[in-house]
Amino acid sequence: MEPLLAYFGPEVQMPLASLLASVVGMLMIAGAAPARAARRLWERVGASSLRRGSRD
């Protein structure tokens, strides 16, 4: 099996850097509340999947 080597040139890096900067900027403006809400949602979904798995 041959290794997969890829070249990520500027046409790939620039849009990704812009997207990352936009997300970080929005989080900085909004504060930590959206991150906390996402974490709570993730924990709730994880807990419900654990409960569902124990019933099987």
N, C-alpha and C. Protein backbone atom coordinates (compact mmCIF):
# COMPACT_ATOMS: atom_id res chain seq x y z
N MET A 1 0.85 -1.18 0.00
CA MET A 1 0.00 0.00 0.00
C MET A 1 0.89 1.24 0.00
N GLU A 2 0.64 2.13 -0.90
CA GLU A 2 1.45 3.34 -1.02
C GLU A 2 0.97 4.40 -0.04
N PRO A 3 1.90 5.14 0.53
CA PRO A 3 1.46 6.22 1.44
C PRO A 3 0.76 7.33 0.68
N LEU A 4 -0.17 7.94 1.33
CA LEU A 4 -0.92 9.03 0.73
C LEU A 4 -0.24 10.34 1.07
N LEU A 5 0.34 10.98 0.10
CA LEU A 5 0.99 12.26 0.31
C LEU A 5 0.18 13.32 -0.42
N ALA A 6 -0.09 14.38 0.26
CA ALA A 6 -0.90 15.43 -0.34
C ALA A 6 -0.21 16.77 -0.16
N TYR A 7 -0.36 17.61 -1.13
CA TYR A 7 0.17 18.97 -1.05
C TYR A 7 -1.01 19.91 -0.85
N PHE A 8 -0.99 20.60 0.24
CA PHE A 8 -2.04 21.57 0.53
C PHE A 8 -1.48 22.95 0.21
N GLY A 9 -1.78 23.42 -0.95
CA GLY A 9 -1.28 24.70 -1.42
C GLY A 9 -2.08 25.86 -0.89
N PRO A 10 -1.72 27.06 -1.31
CA PRO A 10 -2.41 28.26 -0.83
C PRO A 10 -3.90 28.28 -1.15
N GLU A 11 -4.29 27.65 -2.25
CA GLU A 11 -5.71 27.66 -2.61
C GLU A 11 -6.54 26.85 -1.63
N VAL A 12 -5.91 25.97 -0.85
CA VAL A 12 -6.61 25.22 0.19
C VAL A 12 -6.41 25.89 1.55
N GLN A 13 -5.20 26.35 1.82
CA GLN A 13 -4.88 26.89 3.13
C GLN A 13 -5.59 28.21 3.40
N MET A 14 -5.67 29.09 2.42
CA MET A 14 -6.26 30.41 2.65
C MET A 14 -7.73 30.33 3.05
N PRO A 15 -8.58 29.56 2.35
CA PRO A 15 -9.98 29.48 2.80
C PRO A 15 -10.12 28.83 4.17
N LEU A 16 -9.29 27.82 4.45
CA LEU A 16 -9.38 27.17 5.76
C LEU A 16 -8.94 28.12 6.87
N ALA A 17 -7.89 28.90 6.63
CA ALA A 17 -7.45 29.87 7.62
C ALA A 17 -8.52 30.93 7.84
N SER A 18 -9.16 31.35 6.77
CA SER A 18 -10.22 32.35 6.89
C SER A 18 -11.40 31.80 7.68
N LEU A 19 -11.77 30.57 7.42
CA LEU A 19 -12.87 29.94 8.14
C LEU A 19 -12.53 29.81 9.62
N LEU A 20 -11.34 29.35 9.93
CA LEU A 20 -10.92 29.20 11.31
C LEU A 20 -10.91 30.55 12.03
N ALA A 21 -10.38 31.58 11.37
CA ALA A 21 -10.35 32.91 11.97
C ALA A 21 -11.76 33.44 12.21
N SER A 22 -12.68 33.16 11.32
CA SER A 22 -14.07 33.61 11.50
C SER A 22 -14.71 32.93 12.70
N VAL A 23 -14.51 31.64 12.83
CA VAL A 23 -15.10 30.90 13.96
C VAL A 23 -14.52 31.40 15.28
N VAL A 24 -13.20 31.57 15.32
CA VAL A 24 -12.56 32.06 16.55
C VAL A 24 -13.05 33.47 16.88
N GLY A 25 -13.17 34.32 15.87
CA GLY A 25 -13.66 35.67 16.10
C GLY A 25 -15.08 35.70 16.62
N MET A 26 -15.93 34.85 16.07
CA MET A 26 -17.32 34.80 16.55
C MET A 26 -17.38 34.30 17.98
N LEU A 27 -16.54 33.32 18.32
CA LEU A 27 -16.51 32.85 19.71
C LEU A 27 -16.00 33.93 20.65
N MET A 28 -15.04 34.71 20.19
CA MET A 28 -14.53 35.79 21.03
C MET A 28 -15.61 36.85 21.26
N ILE A 29 -16.41 37.13 20.26
CA ILE A 29 -17.48 38.12 20.40
C ILE A 29 -18.58 37.58 21.30
N ALA A 30 -18.97 36.34 21.09
CA ALA A 30 -20.09 35.76 21.83
C ALA A 30 -19.70 35.36 23.24
N GLY A 31 -18.43 35.17 23.49
CA GLY A 31 -17.99 34.74 24.81
C GLY A 31 -18.01 33.23 24.92
N ALA A 32 -17.97 32.74 26.14
CA ALA A 32 -17.87 31.30 26.38
C ALA A 32 -19.23 30.62 26.43
N ALA A 33 -20.31 31.36 26.40
CA ALA A 33 -21.64 30.76 26.55
C ALA A 33 -21.96 29.73 25.45
N PRO A 34 -21.68 30.00 24.16
CA PRO A 34 -21.97 28.98 23.16
C PRO A 34 -21.15 27.71 23.35
N ALA A 35 -19.90 27.85 23.77
CA ALA A 35 -19.06 26.67 24.00
C ALA A 35 -19.61 25.86 25.17
N ARG A 36 -20.06 26.53 26.23
CA ARG A 36 -20.65 25.83 27.37
C ARG A 36 -21.93 25.12 26.96
N ALA A 37 -22.76 25.78 26.16
CA ALA A 37 -24.02 25.17 25.72
C ALA A 37 -23.74 23.94 24.85
N ALA A 38 -22.76 24.04 23.96
CA ALA A 38 -22.42 22.89 23.12
C ALA A 38 -21.89 21.74 23.96
N ARG A 39 -21.09 22.06 24.97
CA ARG A 39 -20.55 21.01 25.85
C ARG A 39 -21.67 20.32 26.61
N ARG A 40 -22.63 21.11 27.13
CA ARG A 40 -23.77 20.51 27.85
C ARG A 40 -24.59 19.62 26.93
N LEU A 41 -24.83 20.09 25.71
CA LEU A 41 -25.59 19.28 24.75
C LEU A 41 -24.85 17.99 24.44
N TRP A 42 -23.54 18.09 24.23
CA TRP A 42 -22.74 16.89 23.92
C TRP A 42 -22.80 15.89 25.09
N GLU A 43 -22.71 16.38 26.32
CA GLU A 43 -22.78 15.49 27.47
C GLU A 43 -24.16 14.86 27.59
N ARG A 44 -25.21 15.62 27.30
CA ARG A 44 -26.57 15.09 27.36
C ARG A 44 -26.78 14.00 26.32
N VAL A 45 -26.27 14.24 25.11
CA VAL A 45 -26.41 13.24 24.05
C VAL A 45 -25.61 11.99 24.41
N GLY A 46 -24.41 12.18 24.95
CA GLY A 46 -23.59 11.04 25.35
C GLY A 46 -24.24 10.23 26.46
N ALA A 47 -24.83 10.91 27.43
CA ALA A 47 -25.49 10.22 28.53
C ALA A 47 -26.70 9.43 28.05
N SER A 48 -27.45 10.00 27.11
CA SER A 48 -28.63 9.28 26.60
C SER A 48 -28.21 8.07 25.79
N SER A 49 -27.08 8.15 25.07
CA SER A 49 -26.64 6.98 24.30
C SER A 49 -26.13 5.89 25.24
N LEU A 50 -25.55 6.28 26.37
CA LEU A 50 -25.10 5.27 27.34
C LEU A 50 -26.29 4.57 27.96
N ARG A 51 -27.33 5.33 28.27
CA ARG A 51 -28.54 4.71 28.83
C ARG A 51 -29.19 3.79 27.83
N ARG A 52 -29.23 4.21 26.57
CA ARG A 52 -29.86 3.39 25.53
C ARG A 52 -29.07 2.10 25.36
N GLY A 53 -27.76 2.16 25.45
CA GLY A 53 -26.92 0.98 25.29
C GLY A 53 -27.10 -0.01 26.41
N SER A 54 -27.41 0.47 27.62
CA SER A 54 -27.58 -0.44 28.75
C SER A 54 -28.90 -1.18 28.68
N ARG A 55 -29.89 -0.66 27.94
CA ARG A 55 -31.17 -1.34 27.81
C ARG A 55 -31.13 -2.50 26.85
N ASP A 56 -30.17 -2.51 25.93
CA ASP A 56 -30.12 -3.56 24.90
C ASP A 56 -29.70 -4.89 25.46
